[in-house]
Amino acid sequence: MHPEEGSPARTGAAIPGHGRFFVTDAALEMIGVFGGTLHCYLADGGCRKQGLYFSRTLPRKPLRCQLEPAGEDAVELSVSADLAPRLDGAVLDFGLYNKMQRFVWTSLPGTKGPQCTCLRSTGAPAGKRSPCLDDQGTGLTDLR
């Protein structure tokens, strides 16, 4: 599976045992700016069942992605085991989305169910009282 024609994605990221996703040049550049490490994971929160989060710190057992073409040695990209099966064909970007500079999954073709319009969570609606991660100003959520 390849990104759509005209997409700014150029680098593939192979997930061990789970296919691959694509990373835009802007996302690669910002991973470097934020220290060279980015971990992508699911957690509670957001207007949908699961929030899509990003961390500069790695958990104990991340799935480390192999970047293709090689050469992005300064970048370490990993995903959580529960997010990995949903990322085949996905596109990771960094840019101005909903008036915030942030990482987003602009495409998640392997995810069943709707993604929220602000691209911060996925799955069934979590209820009217569930706060949007954009409204909370949630950016990078570093794991400890």
Protein backbone atom coordinates (compact mmCIF):
# COMPACT_ATOMS: atom_id res chain seq x y z
CA MET A 1 0.00 0.00 0.00
CA HIS A 2 1.35 3.43 -0.93
CA PRO A 3 0.39 6.96 0.06
CA GLU A 4 -2.00 8.79 -2.22
CA GLU A 5 -0.63 10.56 -5.29
CA GLY A 6 0.64 14.00 -4.35
CA SER A 7 0.94 13.15 -0.64
CA PRO A 8 3.91 14.76 1.14
CA ALA A 9 4.84 11.37 2.64
CA ARG A 10 8.11 9.97 1.33
CA THR A 11 9.58 7.75 4.01
CA GLY A 12 8.16 4.35 4.87
CA ALA A 13 8.24 3.00 8.41
CA ALA A 14 8.10 -0.79 8.70
CA ILE A 15 6.47 -2.09 11.88
CA PRO A 16 7.76 -5.55 12.89
CA GLY A 17 4.98 -8.01 12.02
CA HIS A 18 2.41 -5.31 11.18
CA GLY A 19 2.99 -3.75 7.78
CA ARG A 20 4.14 -0.19 7.28
CA PHE A 21 3.06 3.42 7.42
CA PHE A 22 4.39 6.59 5.83
CA VAL A 23 6.00 9.65 7.41
CA THR A 24 6.00 13.12 5.86
CA ASP A 25 9.14 15.21 5.61
CA ALA A 26 7.62 17.68 8.09
CA ALA A 27 7.05 14.92 10.66
CA LEU A 28 10.61 13.61 10.27
CA GLU A 29 12.00 17.11 10.72
CA MET A 30 9.96 17.73 13.87
CA ILE A 31 10.89 14.38 15.40
CA GLY A 32 14.48 15.57 15.09
CA VAL A 33 13.64 18.95 16.62
CA PHE A 34 11.95 17.23 19.59
CA GLY A 35 15.02 15.11 20.37
CA GLY A 36 15.00 12.44 17.66
CA THR A 37 12.55 10.04 19.33
CA LEU A 38 8.80 9.67 18.84
CA HIS A 39 6.56 6.96 20.26
CA CYS A 40 2.97 6.69 18.99
CA TYR A 41 0.35 5.03 21.18
CA LEU A 42 -3.33 4.67 22.12
CA ALA A 43 -4.79 5.66 25.48
CA ASP A 44 -8.04 6.79 27.01
CA GLY A 45 -9.20 10.30 26.33
CA GLY A 46 -10.66 12.43 23.63
CA CYS A 47 -14.09 12.57 22.07
CA ARG A 48 -13.82 8.98 20.83
CA LYS A 49 -13.10 5.68 22.57
CA GLN A 50 -9.31 5.89 22.20
CA GLY A 51 -7.01 8.88 22.02
CA LEU A 52 -4.06 9.02 19.61
CA TYR A 53 -1.01 10.17 21.56
CA PHE A 54 2.65 10.93 20.91
CA SER A 55 5.58 10.81 23.35
CA ARG A 56 9.28 11.74 23.24
CA THR A 57 10.00 8.94 25.72
CA LEU A 58 9.78 5.23 25.02
CA PRO A 59 7.95 2.63 27.10
CA ARG A 60 9.63 -0.62 28.11
CA LYS A 61 8.54 -2.66 25.07
CA PRO A 62 8.03 -0.42 22.04
CA LEU A 63 7.78 -1.80 18.52
CA ARG A 64 10.70 -0.01 16.87
CA CYS A 65 10.03 0.94 13.27
CA GLN A 66 12.61 0.59 10.52
CA LEU A 67 12.65 3.69 8.32
CA GLU A 68 12.87 3.14 4.55
CA PRO A 69 14.86 4.42 2.84
CA ALA A 70 17.46 4.14 5.56
CA GLY A 71 19.40 7.27 6.30
CA GLU A 72 17.22 8.86 8.94
CA ASP A 73 19.67 7.62 11.57
CA ALA A 74 18.95 10.51 13.92
CA VAL A 75 15.28 9.50 14.16
CA GLU A 76 13.92 6.72 16.35
CA LEU A 77 10.25 5.99 15.70
CA SER A 78 8.19 3.41 17.58
CA VAL A 79 4.57 2.42 18.11
CA SER A 80 2.66 0.60 20.83
CA ALA A 81 1.59 -3.00 20.28
CA ASP A 82 -2.12 -2.07 20.39
CA LEU A 83 -1.74 0.71 17.80
CA ALA A 84 0.52 -1.25 15.39
CA PRO A 85 -2.20 -3.36 13.69
CA ARG A 86 -4.12 -0.18 12.80
CA LEU A 87 -1.27 1.60 11.05
CA ASP A 88 -0.76 -0.31 7.79
CA GLY A 89 -0.98 2.35 5.08
CA ALA A 90 -1.38 5.23 7.55
CA VAL A 91 0.29 8.63 7.11
CA LEU A 92 1.97 10.50 9.98
CA ASP A 93 2.30 14.26 9.52
CA PHE A 94 3.25 17.34 11.50
CA GLY A 95 1.64 20.66 10.76
CA LEU A 96 -1.00 23.20 11.67
CA TYR A 97 -4.17 21.24 12.38
CA ASN A 98 -7.16 22.90 14.06
CA LYS A 99 -5.05 25.94 14.98
CA MET A 100 -2.38 23.82 16.69
CA GLN A 101 1.08 22.71 15.51
CA ARG A 102 1.14 18.97 16.19
CA PHE A 103 1.65 15.40 15.01
CA VAL A 104 -1.43 13.78 13.46
CA TRP A 105 -2.39 10.62 11.61
CA THR A 106 -3.86 12.17 8.45
CA SER A 107 -4.89 8.74 7.22
CA LEU A 108 -5.69 5.58 9.21
CA PRO A 109 -7.07 3.12 6.63
CA GLY A 110 -6.62 0.14 8.97
CA THR A 111 -8.79 1.61 11.73
CA LYS A 112 -12.36 0.47 11.94
CA GLY A 113 -14.87 3.11 12.89
CA PRO A 114 -14.71 6.87 12.61
CA GLN A 115 -11.80 9.12 13.45
CA CYS A 116 -12.78 12.40 15.06
CA THR A 117 -12.68 15.49 12.86
CA CYS A 118 -9.70 16.95 14.75
CA LEU A 119 -7.73 13.70 14.16
CA ARG A 120 -7.00 13.19 17.86
CA SER A 121 -9.03 10.08 18.70
CA THR A 122 -10.75 7.14 17.06
CA GLY A 123 -13.55 4.67 17.64
CA ALA A 124 -17.06 5.04 18.98
CA PRO A 125 -18.05 8.41 20.50
CA ALA A 126 -17.12 8.62 24.18
CA GLY A 127 -20.09 10.78 25.18
CA LYS A 128 -21.06 14.43 25.21
CA ARG A 129 -19.03 15.20 28.31
CA SER A 130 -15.77 13.79 26.90
CA PRO A 131 -13.34 16.65 26.32
CA CYS A 132 -11.63 17.08 22.95
CA LEU A 133 -7.87 16.72 23.19
CA ASP A 134 -7.56 19.89 21.11
CA ASP A 135 -9.72 21.84 23.57
CA GLN A 136 -7.45 20.61 26.36
CA GLY A 137 -4.38 21.72 24.42
CA THR A 138 -2.86 18.24 24.60
CA GLY A 139 0.38 18.10 22.60
CA LEU A 140 3.16 15.65 23.27
CA THR A 141 2.23 13.43 26.20
CA ASP A 142 5.52 12.03 27.45
CA LEU A 143 5.45 8.63 29.12
CA ARG A 144 7.21 8.28 32.47
